[in-house]
Amino acid sequence: MDDNCDGEIDELGVSSNYVYYLDEDGDGFGQTDNTVTACGVPDGYSEESGDCDDDNPNISISDEDGD
C-alpha cells in the first residue's frame, strides 16, 4: 500500500494520507461523521468539516447569521 502518497510501496507505520469529509451539497464543507482517507480530495468530498446541514448548500459553517 502507498501509505504516504508518493507512488511507492511503503514500510508499515508510515502514513501521509489525509481525511476528507463527504460534501453532499457542494458548499465546500463536509459532514464531520462521514469521512474517507486518501492522498487527494475525492469527488464529492471536502477538506473542511463542520457542515450542519449537508442537504442545503446555502447553510454552512461560514454562514454566521444563518440565513
PDB file of N, CA and C in Angstrom:
ATOM      1  N   MET A   1       0.851  -1.177   0.000  1.00  0.00           N
ATOM      2  CA  MET A   1       0.000   0.000   0.000  1.00  0.00           C
ATOM      3  C   MET A   1       0.893   1.236   0.000  1.00  0.00           C
ATOM      4  N   ASP A   2       0.494   2.244  -0.756  1.00  0.00           N
ATOM      5  CA  ASP A   2       1.201   3.520  -0.777  1.00  0.00           C
ATOM      6  C   ASP A   2       0.673   4.367   0.368  1.00  0.00           C
ATOM      7  N   ASP A   3       1.309   4.276   1.521  1.00  0.00           N
ATOM      8  CA  ASP A   3       0.824   4.942   2.727  1.00  0.00           C
ATOM      9  C   ASP A   3       1.083   6.440   2.775  1.00  0.00           C
ATOM     10  N   ASN A   4       2.050   6.926   2.023  1.00  0.00           N
ATOM     11  CA  ASN A   4       2.347   8.353   2.118  1.00  0.00           C
ATOM     12  C   ASN A   4       2.217   9.090   0.791  1.00  0.00           C
ATOM     13  N   CYS A   5       1.492   8.504  -0.148  1.00  0.00           N
ATOM     14  CA  CYS A   5       1.085   9.172  -1.393  1.00  0.00           C
ATOM     15  C   CYS A   5       2.259   9.582  -2.274  1.00  0.00           C
ATOM     16  N   ASP A   6       3.354   8.841  -2.224  1.00  0.00           N
ATOM     17  CA  ASP A   6       4.493   9.175  -3.071  1.00  0.00           C
ATOM     18  C   ASP A   6       4.644   8.231  -4.260  1.00  0.00           C
ATOM     19  N   GLY A   7       3.663   7.341  -4.460  1.00  0.00           N
ATOM     20  CA  GLY A   7       3.696   6.420  -5.582  1.00  0.00           C
ATOM     21  C   GLY A   7       4.514   5.175  -5.330  1.00  0.00           C
ATOM     22  N   GLU A   8       5.069   5.020  -4.169  1.00  0.00           N
ATOM     23  CA  GLU A   8       5.897   3.870  -3.797  1.00  0.00           C
ATOM     24  C   GLU A   8       5.197   3.054  -2.710  1.00  0.00           C
ATOM     25  N   ILE A   9       5.499   1.757  -2.689  1.00  0.00           N
ATOM     26  CA  ILE A   9       5.012   0.904  -1.600  1.00  0.00           C
ATOM     27  C   ILE A   9       5.865   1.217  -0.376  1.00  0.00           C
ATOM     28  N   ASP A  10       5.229   1.465   0.750  1.00  0.00           N
ATOM     29  CA  ASP A  10       5.924   1.965   1.935  1.00  0.00           C
ATOM     30  C   ASP A  10       6.024   0.928   3.043  1.00  0.00           C
ATOM     31  N   GLU A  11       6.908   1.237   3.978  1.00  0.00           N
ATOM     32  CA  GLU A  11       7.046   0.406   5.158  1.00  0.00           C
ATOM     33  C   GLU A  11       5.845   0.638   6.078  1.00  0.00           C
ATOM     34  N   LEU A  12       5.587  -0.308   6.945  1.00  0.00           N
ATOM     35  CA  LEU A  12       4.479  -0.192   7.890  1.00  0.00           C
ATOM     36  C   LEU A  12       4.705   0.990   8.820  1.00  0.00           C
ATOM     37  N   GLY A  13       3.625   1.625   9.222  1.00  0.00           N
ATOM     38  CA  GLY A  13       3.696   2.710  10.183  1.00  0.00           C
ATOM     39  C   GLY A  13       3.879   4.084   9.568  1.00  0.00           C
ATOM     40  N   VAL A  14       4.090   4.175   8.262  1.00  0.00           N
ATOM     41  CA  VAL A  14       4.259   5.471   7.605  1.00  0.00           C
ATOM     42  C   VAL A  14       2.936   5.844   6.950  1.00  0.00           C
ATOM     43  N   SER A  15       2.467   7.055   7.214  1.00  0.00           N
ATOM     44  CA  SER A  15       1.213   7.478   6.593  1.00  0.00           C
ATOM     45  C   SER A  15       1.184   8.987   6.415  1.00  0.00           C
ATOM     46  N   SER A  16       0.845   9.414   5.218  1.00  0.00           N
ATOM     47  CA  SER A  16       0.624  10.828   4.938  1.00  0.00           C
ATOM     48  C   SER A  16      -0.732  11.025   4.270  1.00  0.00           C
ATOM     49  N   ASN A  17      -1.608  10.038   4.407  1.00  0.00           N
ATOM     50  CA  ASN A  17      -2.956  10.184   3.868  1.00  0.00           C
ATOM     51  C   ASN A  17      -3.690  11.250   4.667  1.00  0.00           C
ATOM     52  N   TYR A  18      -4.678  11.853   4.046  1.00  0.00           N
ATOM     53  CA  TYR A  18      -5.430  12.923   4.665  1.00  0.00           C
ATOM     54  C   TYR A  18      -6.895  12.528   4.776  1.00  0.00           C
ATOM     55  N   VAL A  19      -7.601  13.146   5.718  1.00  0.00           N
ATOM     56  CA  VAL A  19      -9.019  12.881   5.933  1.00  0.00           C
ATOM     57  C   VAL A  19      -9.827  13.905   5.144  1.00  0.00           C
ATOM     58  N   TYR A  20     -10.834  13.410   4.421  1.00  0.00           N
ATOM     59  CA  TYR A  20     -11.744  14.258   3.655  1.00  0.00           C
ATOM     60  C   TYR A  20     -13.164  13.958   4.083  1.00  0.00           C
ATOM     61  N   TYR A  21     -14.023  14.975   3.990  1.00  0.00           N
ATOM     62  CA  TYR A  21     -15.377  14.925   4.529  1.00  0.00           C
ATOM     63  C   TYR A  21     -16.400  14.959   3.402  1.00  0.00           C
ATOM     64  N   LEU A  22     -17.390  14.053   3.455  1.00  0.00           N
ATOM     65  CA  LEU A  22     -18.439  13.994   2.434  1.00  0.00           C
ATOM     66  C   LEU A  22     -19.179  15.330   2.392  1.00  0.00           C
ATOM     67  N   ASP A  23     -19.257  15.930   1.197  1.00  0.00           N
ATOM     68  CA  ASP A  23     -19.904  17.223   0.998  1.00  0.00           C
ATOM     69  C   ASP A  23     -21.015  17.048  -0.029  1.00  0.00           C
ATOM     70  N   GLU A  24     -22.176  16.604   0.442  1.00  0.00           N
ATOM     71  CA  GLU A  24     -23.276  16.273  -0.470  1.00  0.00           C
ATOM     72  C   GLU A  24     -23.885  17.496  -1.144  1.00  0.00           C
ATOM     73  N   ASP A  25     -23.828  18.666  -0.520  1.00  0.00           N
ATOM     74  CA  ASP A  25     -24.446  19.846  -1.122  1.00  0.00           C
ATOM     75  C   ASP A  25     -23.454  20.734  -1.874  1.00  0.00           C
ATOM     76  N   GLY A  26     -22.179  20.380  -1.873  1.00  0.00           N
ATOM     77  CA  GLY A  26     -21.186  21.089  -2.670  1.00  0.00           C
ATOM     78  C   GLY A  26     -20.850  22.494  -2.205  1.00  0.00           C
ATOM     79  N   ASP A  27     -21.057  22.787  -0.912  1.00  0.00           N
ATOM     80  CA  ASP A  27     -20.772  24.137  -0.412  1.00  0.00           C
ATOM     81  C   ASP A  27     -19.349  24.300   0.117  1.00  0.00           C
ATOM     82  N   GLY A  28     -18.556  23.240   0.019  1.00  0.00           N
ATOM     83  CA  GLY A  28     -17.169  23.321   0.470  1.00  0.00           C
ATOM     84  C   GLY A  28     -16.943  22.875   1.896  1.00  0.00           C
ATOM     85  N   PHE A  29     -18.029  22.487   2.583  1.00  0.00           N
ATOM     86  CA  PHE A  29     -17.936  21.980   3.947  1.00  0.00           C
ATOM     87  C   PHE A  29     -18.595  20.611   3.990  1.00  0.00           C
ATOM     88  N   GLY A  30     -17.944  19.652   4.653  1.00  0.00           N
ATOM     89  CA  GLY A  30     -18.447  18.289   4.683  1.00  0.00           C
ATOM     90  C   GLY A  30     -18.937  17.851   6.035  1.00  0.00           C
ATOM     91  N   GLN A  31     -19.460  16.632   6.054  1.00  0.00           N
ATOM     92  CA  GLN A  31     -20.011  16.027   7.260  1.00  0.00           C
ATOM     93  C   GLN A  31     -18.885  15.488   8.134  1.00  0.00           C
ATOM     94  N   THR A  32     -18.844  15.926   9.374  1.00  0.00           N
ATOM     95  CA  THR A  32     -17.801  15.523  10.310  1.00  0.00           C
ATOM     96  C   THR A  32     -17.790  14.019  10.533  1.00  0.00           C
ATOM     97  N   ASP A  33     -18.958  13.386  10.462  1.00  0.00           N
ATOM     98  CA  ASP A  33     -19.068  11.959  10.770  1.00  0.00           C
ATOM     99  C   ASP A  33     -19.062  11.057   9.536  1.00  0.00           C
ATOM    100  N   ASN A  34     -18.717  11.593   8.356  1.00  0.00           N
ATOM    101  CA  ASN A  34     -18.694  10.791   7.134  1.00  0.00           C
ATOM    102  C   ASN A  34     -17.412  11.121   6.368  1.00  0.00           C
ATOM    103  N   THR A  35     -16.370  10.318   6.590  1.00  0.00           N
ATOM    104  CA  THR A  35     -15.042  10.638   6.067  1.00  0.00           C
ATOM    105  C   THR A  35     -14.435   9.505   5.255  1.00  0.00           C
ATOM    106  N   VAL A  36     -13.427   9.869   4.461  1.00  0.00           N
ATOM    107  CA  VAL A  36     -12.557   8.904   3.804  1.00  0.00           C
ATOM    108  C   VAL A  36     -11.126   9.387   4.000  1.00  0.00           C
ATOM    109  N   THR A  37     -10.194   8.470   3.890  1.00  0.00           N
ATOM    110  CA  THR A  37      -8.779   8.797   3.955  1.00  0.00           C
ATOM    111  C   THR A  37      -8.190   8.544   2.580  1.00  0.00           C
ATOM    112  N   ALA A  38      -7.482   9.546   2.033  1.00  0.00           N
ATOM    113  CA  ALA A  38      -6.934   9.431   0.686  1.00  0.00           C
ATOM    114  C   ALA A  38      -5.742  10.371   0.519  1.00  0.00           C
ATOM    115  N   CYS A  39      -5.040  10.219  -0.594  1.00  0.00           N
ATOM    116  CA  CYS A  39      -3.908  11.084  -0.914  1.00  0.00           C
ATOM    117  C   CYS A  39      -4.356  12.428  -1.472  1.00  0.00           C
ATOM    118  N   GLY A  40      -5.532  12.497  -2.047  1.00  0.00           N
ATOM    119  CA  GLY A  40      -6.071  13.729  -2.617  1.00  0.00           C
ATOM    120  C   GLY A  40      -7.564  13.784  -2.414  1.00  0.00           C
ATOM    121  N   VAL A  41      -8.140  14.943  -2.626  1.00  0.00           N
ATOM    122  CA  VAL A  41      -9.578  15.129  -2.381  1.00  0.00           C
ATOM    123  C   VAL A  41     -10.403  14.367  -3.418  1.00  0.00           C
ATOM    124  N   PRO A  42     -11.168  13.360  -2.982  1.00  0.00           N
ATOM    125  CA  PRO A  42     -12.046  12.636  -3.911  1.00  0.00           C
ATOM    126  C   PRO A  42     -13.232  13.513  -4.337  1.00  0.00           C
ATOM    127  N   ASP A  43     -13.807  13.223  -5.491  1.00  0.00           N
ATOM    128  CA  ASP A  43     -15.009  13.931  -5.938  1.00  0.00           C
ATOM    129  C   ASP A  43     -16.098  13.808  -4.879  1.00  0.00           C
ATOM    130  N   GLY A  44     -16.764  14.914  -4.591  1.00  0.00           N
ATOM    131  CA  GLY A  44     -17.859  14.912  -3.628  1.00  0.00           C
ATOM    132  C   GLY A  44     -17.420  15.042  -2.191  1.00  0.00           C
ATOM    133  N   TYR A  45     -16.146  15.291  -1.964  1.00  0.00           N
ATOM    134  CA  TYR A  45     -15.605  15.439  -0.615  1.00  0.00           C
ATOM    135  C   TYR A  45     -14.944  16.797  -0.465  1.00  0.00           C
ATOM    136  N   SER A  46     -14.702  17.201   0.778  1.00  0.00           N
ATOM    137  CA  SER A  46     -14.093  18.487   1.085  1.00  0.00           C
ATOM    138  C   SER A  46     -12.987  18.307   2.108  1.00  0.00           C
ATOM    139  N   GLU A  47     -12.048  19.250   2.112  1.00  0.00           N
ATOM    140  CA  GLU A  47     -11.012  19.281   3.135  1.00  0.00           C
ATOM    141  C   GLU A  47     -11.534  19.888   4.430  1.00  0.00           C
ATOM    142  N   GLU A  48     -12.672  20.560   4.363  1.00  0.00           N
ATOM    143  CA  GLU A  48     -13.261  21.244   5.517  1.00  0.00           C
ATOM    144  C   GLU A  48     -14.449  20.466   6.061  1.00  0.00           C
ATOM    145  N   SER A  49     -14.529  20.345   7.374  1.00  0.00           N
ATOM    146  CA  SER A  49     -15.667  19.680   8.010  1.00  0.00           C
ATOM    147  C   SER A  49     -16.573  20.726   8.651  1.00  0.00           C
ATOM    148  N   GLY A  50     -17.624  20.277   9.292  1.00  0.00           N
ATOM    149  CA  GLY A  50     -18.472  21.147  10.084  1.00  0.00           C
ATOM    150  C   GLY A  50     -19.758  21.597   9.431  1.00  0.00           C
ATOM    151  N   ASP A  51     -20.190  20.947   8.350  1.00  0.00           N
ATOM    152  CA  ASP A  51     -21.446  21.337   7.707  1.00  0.00           C
ATOM    153  C   ASP A  51     -22.603  20.876   8.579  1.00  0.00           C
ATOM    154  N   CYS A  52     -23.399  21.841   9.049  1.00  0.00           N
ATOM    155  CA  CYS A  52     -24.506  21.491   9.942  1.00  0.00           C
ATOM    156  C   CYS A  52     -25.772  21.079   9.189  1.00  0.00           C
ATOM    157  N   ASP A  53     -25.820  21.338   7.871  1.00  0.00           N
ATOM    158  CA  ASP A  53     -26.963  20.925   7.047  1.00  0.00           C
ATOM    159  C   ASP A  53     -26.435  20.593   5.655  1.00  0.00           C
ATOM    160  N   ASP A  54     -26.013  19.359   5.437  1.00  0.00           N
ATOM    161  CA  ASP A  54     -25.364  18.983   4.186  1.00  0.00           C
ATOM    162  C   ASP A  54     -26.357  18.701   3.067  1.00  0.00           C
ATOM    163  N   ASP A  55     -27.626  19.002   3.288  1.00  0.00           N
ATOM    164  CA  ASP A  55     -28.625  18.922   2.220  1.00  0.00           C
ATOM    165  C   ASP A  55     -28.903  20.291   1.620  1.00  0.00           C
ATOM    166  N   ASN A  56     -28.376  21.357   2.244  1.00  0.00           N
ATOM    167  CA  ASN A  56     -28.659  22.720   1.812  1.00  0.00           C
ATOM    168  C   ASN A  56     -27.349  23.471   1.581  1.00  0.00           C
ATOM    169  N   PRO A  57     -27.026  23.799   0.324  1.00  0.00           N
ATOM    170  CA  PRO A  57     -25.761  24.484   0.042  1.00  0.00           C
ATOM    171  C   PRO A  57     -25.722  25.920   0.557  1.00  0.00           C
ATOM    172  N   ASN A  58     -26.870  26.468   0.954  1.00  0.00           N
ATOM    173  CA  ASN A  58     -26.920  27.837   1.465  1.00  0.00           C
ATOM    174  C   ASN A  58     -26.647  27.923   2.957  1.00  0.00           C
ATOM    175  N   ILE A  59     -26.529  26.762   3.615  1.00  0.00           N
ATOM    176  CA  ILE A  59     -26.252  26.740   5.052  1.00  0.00           C
ATOM    177  C   ILE A  59     -24.944  26.002   5.268  1.00  0.00           C
ATOM    178  N   SER A  60     -23.983  26.708   5.861  1.00  0.00           N
ATOM    179  CA  SER A  60     -22.695  26.084   6.186  1.00  0.00           C
ATOM    180  C   SER A  60     -22.095  26.788   7.384  1.00  0.00           C
ATOM    181  N   ILE A  61     -20.992  26.282   7.841  1.00  0.00           N
ATOM    182  CA  ILE A  61     -20.310  26.863   8.991  1.00  0.00           C
ATOM    183  C   ILE A  61     -19.884  28.308   8.720  1.00  0.00           C
ATOM    184  N   SER A  62     -19.709  28.681   7.453  1.00  0.00           N
ATOM    185  CA  SER A  62     -19.289  30.038   7.119  1.00  0.00           C
ATOM    186  C   SER A  62     -20.455  31.031   7.113  1.00  0.00           C
ATOM    187  N   ASP A  63     -21.696  30.524   7.195  1.00  0.00           N
ATOM    188  CA  ASP A  63     -22.884  31.380   7.210  1.00  0.00           C
ATOM    189  C   ASP A  63     -23.179  31.773   8.652  1.00  0.00           C
ATOM    190  N   GLU A  64     -22.537  32.847   9.118  1.00  0.00           N
ATOM    191  CA  GLU A  64     -22.594  33.206  10.528  1.00  0.00           C
ATOM    192  C   GLU A  64     -23.983  33.624  11.026  1.00  0.00           C
ATOM    193  N   ASP A  65     -24.785  34.248  10.172  1.00  0.00           N
ATOM    194  CA  ASP A  65     -26.095  34.687  10.650  1.00  0.00           C
ATOM    195  C   ASP A  65     -27.209  33.695  10.363  1.00  0.00           C
ATOM    196  N   GLY A  66     -26.905  32.591   9.667  1.00  0.00           N
ATOM    197  CA  GLY A  66     -27.858  31.507   9.470  1.00  0.00           C
ATOM    198  C   GLY A  66     -28.948  31.748   8.467  1.00  0.00           C
ATOM    199  N   ASP A  67     -28.820  32.780   7.635  1.00  0.00           N
ATOM    200  CA  ASP A  67     -29.872  32.984   6.628  1.00  0.00           C
ATOM    201  C   ASP A  67     -29.430  32.676   5.222  1.00  0.00           C
TER     202      ASP A  67
END
